[in-house]
Amino acid sequence: MTDLNIKNLAYIDNFKHSVVGNFVNFSTRASRSEYWRFTAVTVVIGFVFSLLRFIFGNTFLESLFNLLSFAYTCAIFLPSLGIAVRRLHDINKSGWFLLLPFIPIIGLIYVIYLLAKPGDAGDNQYGSPVSYETITADESARTGLKETPSESMDQKAMIVCLCLWVLNIWISFLSI
C-alpha cells in the first residue's frame, strides 16, 4: 500500500483518507487542494441531505433524513476540524483562527480568505510542506486510486460547491 499522505488524491479518495486515516491529525499541514477537495465532497453530501429533507418535508422520511444528517455531521466534525487546522498550519496560522467566524460577517470572510490562501512554500513552525505526488493513469490502474484532478477541475468543483452552498441556504429558508 502506498503512503497516502504524500499523494495528491482525487476527491473521494481524499475524503476517505481524511475521514478514516487522518481524522485526528491536528499537528501537520494540509495543502489548499487537499482541504478544498475534502470540503467539496462534504458540501455535496450536505446538499443531498438538505434536498432529501426538503423533498420529504413533514413526513417520517424527513425525520429519518434529519437523523441521518445529524449523525453525518457528528461523524464528520473531527475530520473537518482536523483538516481545517492543518490547512491553517500550512499558512503558518494557529488553528485557533477557526474561532474568528464568531465575529459576525468579518470573521467568516477572513477565515475563508485564509483557507483559500496559498500555503507557505518553505518550512514554518508547523513543519515542512508536503510534496504531493501526482497519481497518473498507470498508478491509478495499479493502486485503484483515482487520477489526480487538474487545477481547472478543482476550480470548477469549487464553483459548483459555492452554488450548492447557496442553494442549500435557499432550501433551508424554503423549509421554514
Protein backbone atom coordinates (compact mmCIF):
# COMPACT_ATOMS: atom_id res chain seq x y z
CA MET A 1 0.00 0.00 0.00
CA THR A 2 1.27 3.45 -0.86
CA ASP A 3 1.63 6.26 1.66
CA LEU A 4 -1.50 8.32 1.02
CA ASN A 5 -0.14 11.29 2.99
CA ILE A 6 2.18 12.14 0.10
CA LYS A 7 -0.28 11.55 -2.75
CA ASN A 8 -2.29 14.27 -4.47
CA LEU A 9 -5.56 12.40 -4.08
CA ALA A 10 -8.77 12.84 -6.05
CA TYR A 11 -11.97 13.98 -4.34
CA ILE A 12 -13.42 10.75 -2.97
CA ASP A 13 -10.01 9.19 -2.16
CA ASN A 14 -9.00 12.40 -0.36
CA PHE A 15 -12.29 12.44 1.58
CA LYS A 16 -11.93 8.79 2.64
CA HIS A 17 -8.31 9.29 3.68
CA SER A 18 -9.17 12.42 5.66
CA VAL A 19 -12.09 10.75 7.44
CA VAL A 20 -10.52 7.34 8.09
CA GLY A 21 -6.76 7.73 8.02
CA ASN A 22 -6.05 11.30 9.02
CA PHE A 23 -9.07 12.46 11.02
CA VAL A 24 -7.44 13.43 14.32
CA ASN A 25 -4.24 14.88 12.93
CA PHE A 26 -4.04 18.46 14.20
CA SER A 27 -0.29 18.90 14.02
CA THR A 28 0.90 18.83 10.41
CA ARG A 29 -0.01 20.77 7.27
CA ALA A 30 -2.69 20.31 4.57
CA SER A 31 -2.44 21.78 1.10
CA ARG A 32 -5.10 24.01 -0.36
CA SER A 33 -6.20 21.28 -2.79
CA GLU A 34 -6.40 18.68 0.00
CA TYR A 35 -8.62 20.96 2.08
CA TRP A 36 -10.91 22.12 -0.73
CA ARG A 37 -11.35 18.63 -2.20
CA PHE A 38 -12.47 17.41 1.22
CA THR A 39 -14.79 20.41 1.52
CA ALA A 40 -16.24 19.78 -1.95
CA VAL A 41 -17.32 16.25 -1.02
CA THR A 42 -18.67 17.44 2.33
CA VAL A 43 -20.74 20.20 0.67
CA VAL A 44 -22.20 17.77 -1.89
CA ILE A 45 -23.20 15.28 0.83
CA GLY A 46 -24.72 18.08 2.93
CA PHE A 47 -26.65 19.35 -0.08
CA VAL A 48 -28.05 15.89 -0.80
CA PHE A 49 -29.28 15.62 2.80
CA SER A 50 -30.90 19.07 2.59
CA LEU A 51 -32.56 18.25 -0.71
CA LEU A 52 -33.93 14.96 0.64
CA ARG A 53 -35.25 16.67 3.78
CA PHE A 54 -36.94 19.30 1.60
CA ILE A 55 -38.48 16.75 -0.78
CA PHE A 56 -39.83 14.60 2.05
CA GLY A 57 -40.89 17.52 4.27
CA ASN A 58 -43.30 16.81 7.16
CA THR A 59 -43.09 13.03 6.76
CA PHE A 60 -41.38 10.18 8.52
CA LEU A 61 -38.68 10.22 5.83
CA GLU A 62 -37.85 13.85 6.63
CA SER A 63 -37.30 12.84 10.26
CA LEU A 64 -35.14 9.95 9.12
CA PHE A 65 -33.02 12.21 6.90
CA ASN A 66 -32.75 14.74 9.73
CA LEU A 67 -31.40 11.99 11.96
CA LEU A 68 -29.01 10.72 9.29
CA SER A 69 -27.84 14.27 8.57
CA PHE A 70 -27.19 14.87 12.28
CA ALA A 71 -25.27 11.59 12.54
CA TYR A 72 -23.20 12.51 9.47
CA THR A 73 -22.48 15.97 10.91
CA CYS A 74 -21.30 14.43 14.19
CA ALA A 75 -19.15 11.88 12.34
CA ILE A 76 -17.55 14.48 10.10
CA PHE A 77 -16.89 17.06 12.84
CA LEU A 78 -13.41 15.90 13.91
CA PRO A 79 -12.14 15.22 10.37
CA SER A 80 -13.40 18.66 9.27
CA LEU A 81 -11.80 20.36 12.24
CA GLY A 82 -8.55 18.46 11.75
CA ILE A 83 -8.18 19.31 8.07
CA ALA A 84 -9.11 22.97 8.67
CA VAL A 85 -6.49 23.26 11.43
CA ARG A 86 -3.87 21.62 9.18
CA ARG A 87 -4.86 23.99 6.37
CA LEU A 88 -4.26 26.99 8.64
CA HIS A 89 -0.94 25.46 9.68
CA ASP A 90 0.03 25.45 6.00
CA ILE A 91 -0.12 29.26 6.02
CA ASN A 92 1.63 29.43 9.43
CA LYS A 93 -1.52 30.28 11.38
CA SER A 94 -2.83 28.71 14.55
CA GLY A 95 -5.94 26.53 14.47
CA TRP A 96 -7.47 28.98 16.96
CA PHE A 97 -8.17 31.25 13.97
CA LEU A 98 -11.14 28.94 13.32
CA LEU A 99 -12.91 30.77 16.15
CA LEU A 100 -12.95 34.02 14.14
CA PRO A 101 -16.33 33.27 12.48
CA PHE A 102 -17.87 34.07 15.87
CA ILE A 103 -17.10 37.69 14.95
CA PRO A 104 -20.10 38.48 12.74
CA ILE A 105 -19.52 38.68 8.97
CA ILE A 106 -15.89 39.89 9.04
CA GLY A 107 -14.63 36.82 10.92
CA LEU A 108 -16.17 34.34 8.48
CA ILE A 109 -14.92 36.22 5.44
CA TYR A 110 -11.39 36.40 6.88
CA VAL A 111 -11.29 32.67 7.69
CA ILE A 112 -12.49 31.79 4.18
CA TYR A 113 -9.73 34.04 2.82
CA LEU A 114 -7.16 32.24 4.99
CA LEU A 115 -8.38 28.80 3.90
CA ALA A 116 -8.14 29.84 0.23
CA LYS A 117 -4.71 31.46 0.55
CA PRO A 118 -1.71 29.59 -0.94
CA GLY A 119 0.40 27.73 1.61
CA ASP A 120 3.91 28.68 2.66
CA ALA A 121 6.47 27.42 0.15
CA GLY A 122 9.06 26.56 2.77
CA ASP A 123 9.21 25.28 6.32
CA ASN A 124 7.22 27.05 9.01
CA GLN A 125 6.59 26.40 12.71
CA TYR A 126 4.22 23.54 11.78
CA GLY A 127 6.70 21.65 9.64
CA SER A 128 7.70 21.24 6.04
CA PRO A 129 5.23 21.42 3.18
CA VAL A 130 4.28 18.01 1.89
CA SER A 131 5.44 17.25 -1.63
CA TYR A 132 2.39 15.63 -3.14
CA GLU A 133 2.92 13.08 -5.88
CA THR A 134 0.52 13.18 -8.81
CA ILE A 135 -1.41 9.97 -9.41
CA THR A 136 -1.03 9.09 -13.08
CA ALA A 137 -3.22 6.79 -15.16
CA ASP A 138 -0.69 3.95 -14.74
CA GLU A 139 -0.56 4.34 -10.97
CA SER A 140 -4.34 4.63 -10.88
CA ALA A 141 -4.69 1.27 -12.66
CA ARG A 142 -2.12 -0.30 -10.33
CA THR A 143 -3.40 1.09 -6.99
CA GLY A 144 -7.12 1.62 -7.59
CA LEU A 145 -6.84 5.30 -6.65
CA LYS A 146 -8.40 7.87 -8.97
CA GLU A 147 -6.12 10.10 -11.05
CA THR A 148 -5.18 13.48 -9.61
CA PRO A 149 -7.65 16.16 -10.80
CA SER A 150 -6.41 19.15 -12.76
CA GLU A 151 -6.44 22.68 -11.35
CA SER A 152 -9.23 23.66 -13.75
CA MET A 153 -11.32 20.74 -12.50
CA ASP A 154 -10.71 21.90 -8.92
CA GLN A 155 -11.81 25.44 -9.86
CA LYS A 156 -14.99 24.14 -11.48
CA ALA A 157 -15.70 21.95 -8.46
CA MET A 158 -15.36 24.94 -6.15
CA ILE A 159 -17.82 26.96 -8.27
CA VAL A 160 -20.27 24.06 -8.12
CA CYS A 161 -19.76 23.81 -4.35
CA LEU A 162 -20.41 27.52 -3.92
CA CYS A 163 -23.62 27.19 -5.94
CA LEU A 164 -24.68 24.16 -3.90
CA TRP A 165 -23.95 26.02 -0.68
CA VAL A 166 -26.15 28.94 -1.79
CA LEU A 167 -28.89 26.51 -2.90
CA ASN A 168 -28.63 24.75 0.44
CA ILE A 169 -29.25 28.04 2.26
CA TRP A 170 -32.17 28.78 -0.07
CA ILE A 171 -33.69 25.33 0.53
CA SER A 172 -33.30 25.85 4.27
CA PHE A 173 -35.25 29.12 4.08
CA LEU A 174 -37.97 27.48 1.96
CA SER A 175 -38.33 24.74 4.55
CA ILE A 176 -39.10 27.18 7.36
